[in-house]
Amino acid sequence: MTWIERISAALNSDISFSVEDERGLGLIEHRAAAVLIPITNRPEPGVILTQRPDWLRSHAGQVAFPGGKIDEDDTGPISAALREAHEELSIPPDDVTILGVADTYYSGSGYRIEPVIGVIPPDLPLIPNPDEVEDWFEVPLSFLLDPANAVKKCAEWNGRQRTYYDMQWGERRIWGVTAGIVANLARRLA
């Protein structure tokens, strides 16, 4: 089975496992959002991640998947994820082959995030939008899906204990929501 078939099968099955997210932080309402997990179609696939600028008001400097709020003009999470990936990195929506939507992730910052898994051609000329993306990089899919690379940590946030995943890829720190979405995907594929 190829890696594409393996991911597609896992996303389209009734595999039961415990999804971990930030619902326990006390928020009742969550706004709809979507992210694209763009996987490069290579023999050793990689995942494209973005580094947000330090000057942003929200999630400054963090590593993230391209994505954001689902707008009224979007037809759902897939169209929102494709729109955001195009706005942030100039990924042409027609160049993305959608494999499916992974498990919904509820964030402590008030978003209900639908992770859309898509395959993109290798070596697309990605152009970061400087208003949203400082830089982008590619991490091997095998690194992200290896549970040994996701360290579970605990910290106090807004007066409450928060557990989260933390991954170190070279000098890049992948943590919080992004690492949580990856950890859930890794458990689904296990």
C-alpha atoms as a PDB file:
ATOM      1  CA  MET A   1       0.000   0.000   0.000  1.00  0.00           C
ATOM      2  CA  THR A   2       1.394   3.441  -0.910  1.00  0.00           C
ATOM      3  CA  TRP A   3       1.552   6.254   1.635  1.00  0.00           C
ATOM      4  CA  ILE A   4      -1.303   8.016  -0.221  1.00  0.00           C
ATOM      5  CA  GLU A   5      -3.491   4.885  -0.058  1.00  0.00           C
ATOM      6  CA  ARG A   6      -2.627   4.401   3.619  1.00  0.00           C
ATOM      7  CA  ILE A   7      -3.623   7.954   4.569  1.00  0.00           C
ATOM      8  CA  SER A   8      -6.784   7.845   2.420  1.00  0.00           C
ATOM      9  CA  ALA A   9      -7.841   4.542   3.981  1.00  0.00           C
ATOM     10  CA  ALA A  10      -7.260   5.827   7.513  1.00  0.00           C
ATOM     11  CA  LEU A  11      -9.228   9.032   6.866  1.00  0.00           C
ATOM     12  CA  ASN A  12     -12.137   7.137   5.322  1.00  0.00           C
ATOM     13  CA  SER A  13     -12.486   4.486   7.996  1.00  0.00           C
ATOM     14  CA  ASP A  14     -14.260   4.189  11.294  1.00  0.00           C
ATOM     15  CA  ILE A  15     -11.024   3.805  13.245  1.00  0.00           C
ATOM     16  CA  SER A  16     -11.788   4.583  16.863  1.00  0.00           C
ATOM     17  CA  PHE A  17      -9.229   6.320  19.029  1.00  0.00           C
ATOM     18  CA  SER A  18      -9.165   9.087  21.608  1.00  0.00           C
ATOM     19  CA  VAL A  19      -8.768  12.466  19.910  1.00  0.00           C
ATOM     20  CA  GLU A  20      -6.765  14.883  22.038  1.00  0.00           C
ATOM     21  CA  ASP A  21      -7.420  18.614  21.773  1.00  0.00           C
ATOM     22  CA  GLU A  22      -8.020  21.659  23.960  1.00  0.00           C
ATOM     23  CA  ARG A  23     -11.737  21.293  24.742  1.00  0.00           C
ATOM     24  CA  GLY A  24     -10.878  20.961  28.418  1.00  0.00           C
ATOM     25  CA  LEU A  25      -9.821  24.618  28.602  1.00  0.00           C
ATOM     26  CA  GLY A  26     -13.409  25.680  29.241  1.00  0.00           C
ATOM     27  CA  LEU A  27     -14.510  27.362  26.013  1.00  0.00           C
ATOM     28  CA  ILE A  28     -18.083  26.611  25.001  1.00  0.00           C
ATOM     29  CA  GLU A  29     -18.282  28.177  21.554  1.00  0.00           C
ATOM     30  CA  HIS A  30     -15.745  27.617  18.788  1.00  0.00           C
ATOM     31  CA  ARG A  31     -15.557  29.411  15.435  1.00  0.00           C
ATOM     32  CA  ALA A  32     -15.232  27.270  12.311  1.00  0.00           C
ATOM     33  CA  ALA A  33     -11.747  27.119  10.785  1.00  0.00           C
ATOM     34  CA  ALA A  34      -9.797  24.901   8.414  1.00  0.00           C
ATOM     35  CA  VAL A  35      -6.151  24.208   7.676  1.00  0.00           C
ATOM     36  CA  LEU A  36      -4.486  22.473   4.765  1.00  0.00           C
ATOM     37  CA  ILE A  37      -1.905  19.828   5.552  1.00  0.00           C
ATOM     38  CA  PRO A  38      -0.015  19.981   2.234  1.00  0.00           C
ATOM     39  CA  ILE A  39       1.992  16.798   1.677  1.00  0.00           C
ATOM     40  CA  THR A  40       4.525  16.852  -1.136  1.00  0.00           C
ATOM     41  CA  ASN A  41       4.205  13.983  -3.591  1.00  0.00           C
ATOM     42  CA  ARG A  42       7.722  12.584  -3.337  1.00  0.00           C
ATOM     43  CA  PRO A  43       9.063   9.080  -2.680  1.00  0.00           C
ATOM     44  CA  GLU A  44       9.845  10.445   0.808  1.00  0.00           C
ATOM     45  CA  PRO A  45       6.951  12.899   1.263  1.00  0.00           C
ATOM     46  CA  GLY A  46       7.198  16.075   3.299  1.00  0.00           C
ATOM     47  CA  VAL A  47       4.703  18.442   4.887  1.00  0.00           C
ATOM     48  CA  ILE A  48       4.779  22.180   4.207  1.00  0.00           C
ATOM     49  CA  LEU A  49       4.537  24.349   7.336  1.00  0.00           C
ATOM     50  CA  THR A  50       4.607  28.107   7.756  1.00  0.00           C
ATOM     51  CA  GLN A  51       6.335  30.363  10.264  1.00  0.00           C
ATOM     52  CA  ARG A  52       4.128  33.283  11.253  1.00  0.00           C
ATOM     53  CA  PRO A  53       5.690  36.763  11.551  1.00  0.00           C
ATOM     54  CA  ASP A  54       6.682  37.900  15.050  1.00  0.00           C
ATOM     55  CA  TRP A  55       4.695  41.137  14.740  1.00  0.00           C
ATOM     56  CA  LEU A  56       1.264  39.504  14.301  1.00  0.00           C
ATOM     57  CA  ARG A  57      -1.303  40.082  17.021  1.00  0.00           C
ATOM     58  CA  SER A  58      -2.434  36.457  17.074  1.00  0.00           C
ATOM     59  CA  HIS A  59      -0.090  33.446  17.294  1.00  0.00           C
ATOM     60  CA  ALA A  60       2.976  35.558  16.517  1.00  0.00           C
ATOM     61  CA  GLY A  61       6.064  33.600  15.478  1.00  0.00           C
ATOM     62  CA  GLN A  62       4.361  30.223  15.687  1.00  0.00           C
ATOM     63  CA  VAL A  63       4.660  27.369  13.222  1.00  0.00           C
ATOM     64  CA  ALA A  64       1.344  26.542  11.560  1.00  0.00           C
ATOM     65  CA  PHE A  65      -0.381  24.895   8.656  1.00  0.00           C
ATOM     66  CA  PRO A  66      -1.791  27.295   6.071  1.00  0.00           C
ATOM     67  CA  GLY A  67      -5.347  28.024   7.130  1.00  0.00           C
ATOM     68  CA  GLY A  68      -7.806  30.232   8.947  1.00  0.00           C
ATOM     69  CA  LYS A  69     -11.470  30.998   9.558  1.00  0.00           C
ATOM     70  CA  ILE A  70     -14.115  29.541   7.284  1.00  0.00           C
ATOM     71  CA  ASP A  71     -15.669  32.551   5.528  1.00  0.00           C
ATOM     72  CA  GLU A  72     -19.289  32.936   4.385  1.00  0.00           C
ATOM     73  CA  ASP A  73     -18.136  32.584   0.748  1.00  0.00           C
ATOM     74  CA  ASP A  74     -16.477  29.210   1.448  1.00  0.00           C
ATOM     75  CA  THR A  75     -18.500  26.094   0.669  1.00  0.00           C
ATOM     76  CA  GLY A  76     -16.953  24.260   3.607  1.00  0.00           C
ATOM     77  CA  PRO A  77     -13.637  23.318   5.195  1.00  0.00           C
ATOM     78  CA  ILE A  78     -12.018  22.081   1.988  1.00  0.00           C
ATOM     79  CA  SER A  79     -12.700  25.282   0.057  1.00  0.00           C
ATOM     80  CA  ALA A  80     -11.575  27.369   3.064  1.00  0.00           C
ATOM     81  CA  ALA A  81      -8.325  25.401   3.438  1.00  0.00           C
ATOM     82  CA  LEU A  82      -7.588  25.695  -0.298  1.00  0.00           C
ATOM     83  CA  ARG A  83      -8.370  29.433  -0.284  1.00  0.00           C
ATOM     84  CA  GLU A  84      -6.139  30.065   2.727  1.00  0.00           C
ATOM     85  CA  ALA A  85      -3.249  27.987   1.275  1.00  0.00           C
ATOM     86  CA  HIS A  86      -3.507  30.024  -1.917  1.00  0.00           C
ATOM     87  CA  GLU A  87      -3.587  33.329   0.019  1.00  0.00           C
ATOM     88  CA  GLU A  88      -0.694  32.391   2.318  1.00  0.00           C
ATOM     89  CA  LEU A  89       1.649  30.434   0.009  1.00  0.00           C
ATOM     90  CA  SER A  90       0.232  30.814  -3.528  1.00  0.00           C
ATOM     91  CA  ILE A  91      -0.602  27.094  -3.690  1.00  0.00           C
ATOM     92  CA  PRO A  92      -2.957  26.781  -6.686  1.00  0.00           C
ATOM     93  CA  PRO A  93      -6.142  24.984  -5.525  1.00  0.00           C
ATOM     94  CA  ASP A  94      -6.187  22.934  -8.746  1.00  0.00           C
ATOM     95  CA  ASP A  95      -2.744  21.533  -7.849  1.00  0.00           C
ATOM     96  CA  VAL A  96      -4.034  19.990  -4.598  1.00  0.00           C
ATOM     97  CA  THR A  97      -5.409  16.443  -4.553  1.00  0.00           C
ATOM     98  CA  ILE A  98      -7.634  16.146  -1.484  1.00  0.00           C
ATOM     99  CA  LEU A  99      -7.285  12.869   0.443  1.00  0.00           C
ATOM    100  CA  GLY A 100      -9.861  13.748   3.084  1.00  0.00           C
ATOM    101  CA  VAL A 101     -10.479  15.612   6.310  1.00  0.00           C
ATOM    102  CA  ALA A 102      -8.812  14.458   9.526  1.00  0.00           C
ATOM    103  CA  ASP A 103     -10.252  14.682  13.028  1.00  0.00           C
ATOM    104  CA  THR A 104     -11.648  18.027  14.149  1.00  0.00           C
ATOM    105  CA  TYR A 105      -9.398  19.852  16.606  1.00  0.00           C
ATOM    106  CA  TYR A 106     -10.890  22.236  19.196  1.00  0.00           C
ATOM    107  CA  SER A 107      -8.381  24.928  20.156  1.00  0.00           C
ATOM    108  CA  GLY A 108      -8.086  26.818  23.409  1.00  0.00           C
ATOM    109  CA  SER A 109      -8.170  30.047  21.389  1.00  0.00           C
ATOM    110  CA  GLY A 110     -11.749  29.315  20.308  1.00  0.00           C
ATOM    111  CA  TYR A 111     -11.539  27.559  16.929  1.00  0.00           C
ATOM    112  CA  ARG A 112     -13.042  24.304  15.676  1.00  0.00           C
ATOM    113  CA  ILE A 113     -10.371  23.346  13.135  1.00  0.00           C
ATOM    114  CA  GLU A 114     -10.947  20.921  10.261  1.00  0.00           C
ATOM    115  CA  PRO A 115      -7.554  19.574   9.068  1.00  0.00           C
ATOM    116  CA  VAL A 116      -7.774  18.968   5.315  1.00  0.00           C
ATOM    117  CA  ILE A 117      -5.155  16.545   3.981  1.00  0.00           C
ATOM    118  CA  GLY A 118      -3.969  17.328   0.465  1.00  0.00           C
ATOM    119  CA  VAL A 119      -1.183  16.136  -1.815  1.00  0.00           C
ATOM    120  CA  ILE A 120       0.720  18.756  -3.796  1.00  0.00           C
ATOM    121  CA  PRO A 121       3.313  18.414  -6.554  1.00  0.00           C
ATOM    122  CA  PRO A 122       6.897  18.507  -5.301  1.00  0.00           C
ATOM    123  CA  ASP A 123       8.819  21.737  -5.689  1.00  0.00           C
ATOM    124  CA  LEU A 124       5.867  24.071  -6.303  1.00  0.00           C
ATOM    125  CA  PRO A 125       7.089  27.677  -6.412  1.00  0.00           C
ATOM    126  CA  LEU A 126       5.671  28.713  -3.023  1.00  0.00           C
ATOM    127  CA  ILE A 127       5.451  32.462  -2.464  1.00  0.00           C
ATOM    128  CA  PRO A 128       4.759  33.490   1.139  1.00  0.00           C
ATOM    129  CA  ASN A 129       2.319  36.349   1.696  1.00  0.00           C
ATOM    130  CA  PRO A 130       4.372  38.711   3.944  1.00  0.00           C
ATOM    131  CA  ASP A 131       1.197  39.834   5.748  1.00  0.00           C
ATOM    132  CA  GLU A 132       0.664  36.299   7.083  1.00  0.00           C
ATOM    133  CA  VAL A 133       3.797  34.206   6.545  1.00  0.00           C
ATOM    134  CA  GLU A 134       7.390  35.031   7.415  1.00  0.00           C
ATOM    135  CA  ASP A 135       8.804  31.801   6.020  1.00  0.00           C
ATOM    136  CA  TRP A 136       7.858  28.254   5.043  1.00  0.00           C
ATOM    137  CA  PHE A 137       9.681  24.944   5.331  1.00  0.00           C
ATOM    138  CA  GLU A 138       9.187  21.248   4.637  1.00  0.00           C
ATOM    139  CA  VAL A 139       9.377  18.543   7.299  1.00  0.00           C
ATOM    140  CA  PRO A 140       9.522  14.833   6.399  1.00  0.00           C
ATOM    141  CA  LEU A 141       6.122  13.212   6.882  1.00  0.00           C
ATOM    142  CA  SER A 142       7.881  10.275   8.550  1.00  0.00           C
ATOM    143  CA  PHE A 143       9.311  12.619  11.219  1.00  0.00           C
ATOM    144  CA  LEU A 144       5.899  14.148  11.964  1.00  0.00           C
ATOM    145  CA  LEU A 145       4.129  10.786  12.175  1.00  0.00           C
ATOM    146  CA  ASP A 146       6.708   9.214  14.502  1.00  0.00           C
ATOM    147  CA  PRO A 147       5.151   9.370  18.005  1.00  0.00           C
ATOM    148  CA  ALA A 148       8.638   9.489  19.535  1.00  0.00           C
ATOM    149  CA  ASN A 149       9.074  13.003  18.103  1.00  0.00           C
ATOM    150  CA  ALA A 150       5.977  14.430  19.844  1.00  0.00           C
ATOM    151  CA  VAL A 151       6.757  15.218  23.479  1.00  0.00           C
ATOM    152  CA  LYS A 152       3.749  15.829  25.708  1.00  0.00           C
ATOM    153  CA  LYS A 153       4.266  18.836  27.974  1.00  0.00           C
ATOM    154  CA  CYS A 154       2.257  20.677  30.592  1.00  0.00           C
ATOM    155  CA  ALA A 155       2.070  24.394  31.361  1.00  0.00           C
ATOM    156  CA  GLU A 156      -0.231  26.860  33.067  1.00  0.00           C
ATOM    157  CA  TRP A 157      -2.345  29.005  30.700  1.00  0.00           C
ATOM    158  CA  ASN A 158      -4.975  31.507  31.878  1.00  0.00           C
ATOM    159  CA  GLY A 159      -4.852  30.016  35.347  1.00  0.00           C
ATOM    160  CA  ARG A 160      -5.402  26.423  34.196  1.00  0.00           C
ATOM    161  CA  GLN A 161      -3.138  23.483  33.480  1.00  0.00           C
ATOM    162  CA  ARG A 162      -2.746  22.848  29.770  1.00  0.00           C
ATOM    163  CA  THR A 163      -1.167  19.813  28.142  1.00  0.00           C
ATOM    164  CA  TYR A 164       0.182  20.113  24.632  1.00  0.00           C
ATOM    165  CA  TYR A 165       2.533  18.439  22.185  1.00  0.00           C
ATOM    166  CA  ASP A 166       5.927  19.837  21.292  1.00  0.00           C
ATOM    167  CA  MET A 167       8.139  18.744  18.377  1.00  0.00           C
ATOM    168  CA  GLN A 168      11.594  20.052  17.571  1.00  0.00           C
ATOM    169  CA  TRP A 169      12.641  19.940  13.905  1.00  0.00           C
ATOM    170  CA  GLY A 170      16.117  21.444  13.659  1.00  0.00           C
ATOM    171  CA  GLU A 171      15.714  25.012  14.878  1.00  0.00           C
ATOM    172  CA  ARG A 172      11.932  24.992  14.329  1.00  0.00           C
ATOM    173  CA  ARG A 173       9.567  24.392  17.228  1.00  0.00           C
ATOM    174  CA  ILE A 174       6.257  22.821  16.233  1.00  0.00           C
ATOM    175  CA  TRP A 175       3.909  22.894  19.191  1.00  0.00           C
ATOM    176  CA  GLY A 176       0.388  23.552  20.439  1.00  0.00           C
ATOM    177  CA  VAL A 177      -2.465  23.206  17.934  1.00  0.00           C
ATOM    178  CA  THR A 178      -0.208  22.290  15.001  1.00  0.00           C
ATOM    179  CA  ALA A 179       1.576  19.525  16.922  1.00  0.00           C
ATOM    180  CA  GLY A 180      -1.755  18.391  18.393  1.00  0.00           C
ATOM    181  CA  ILE A 181      -3.288  17.970  14.930  1.00  0.00           C
ATOM    182  CA  VAL A 182      -0.181  16.023  13.861  1.00  0.00           C
ATOM    183  CA  ALA A 183      -0.322  13.805  16.980  1.00  0.00           C
ATOM    184  CA  ASN A 184      -3.988  12.968  16.315  1.00  0.00           C
ATOM    185  CA  LEU A 185      -3.190  12.120  12.695  1.00  0.00           C
ATOM    186  CA  ALA A 186      -0.298   9.897  13.811  1.00  0.00           C
ATOM    187  CA  ARG A 187      -2.635   8.021  16.206  1.00  0.00           C
ATOM    188  CA  ARG A 188      -5.214   7.586  13.420  1.00  0.00           C
ATOM    189  CA  LEU A 189      -2.539   6.106  11.131  1.00  0.00           C
ATOM    190  CA  ALA A 190      -1.004   3.837  13.813  1.00  0.00           C
END
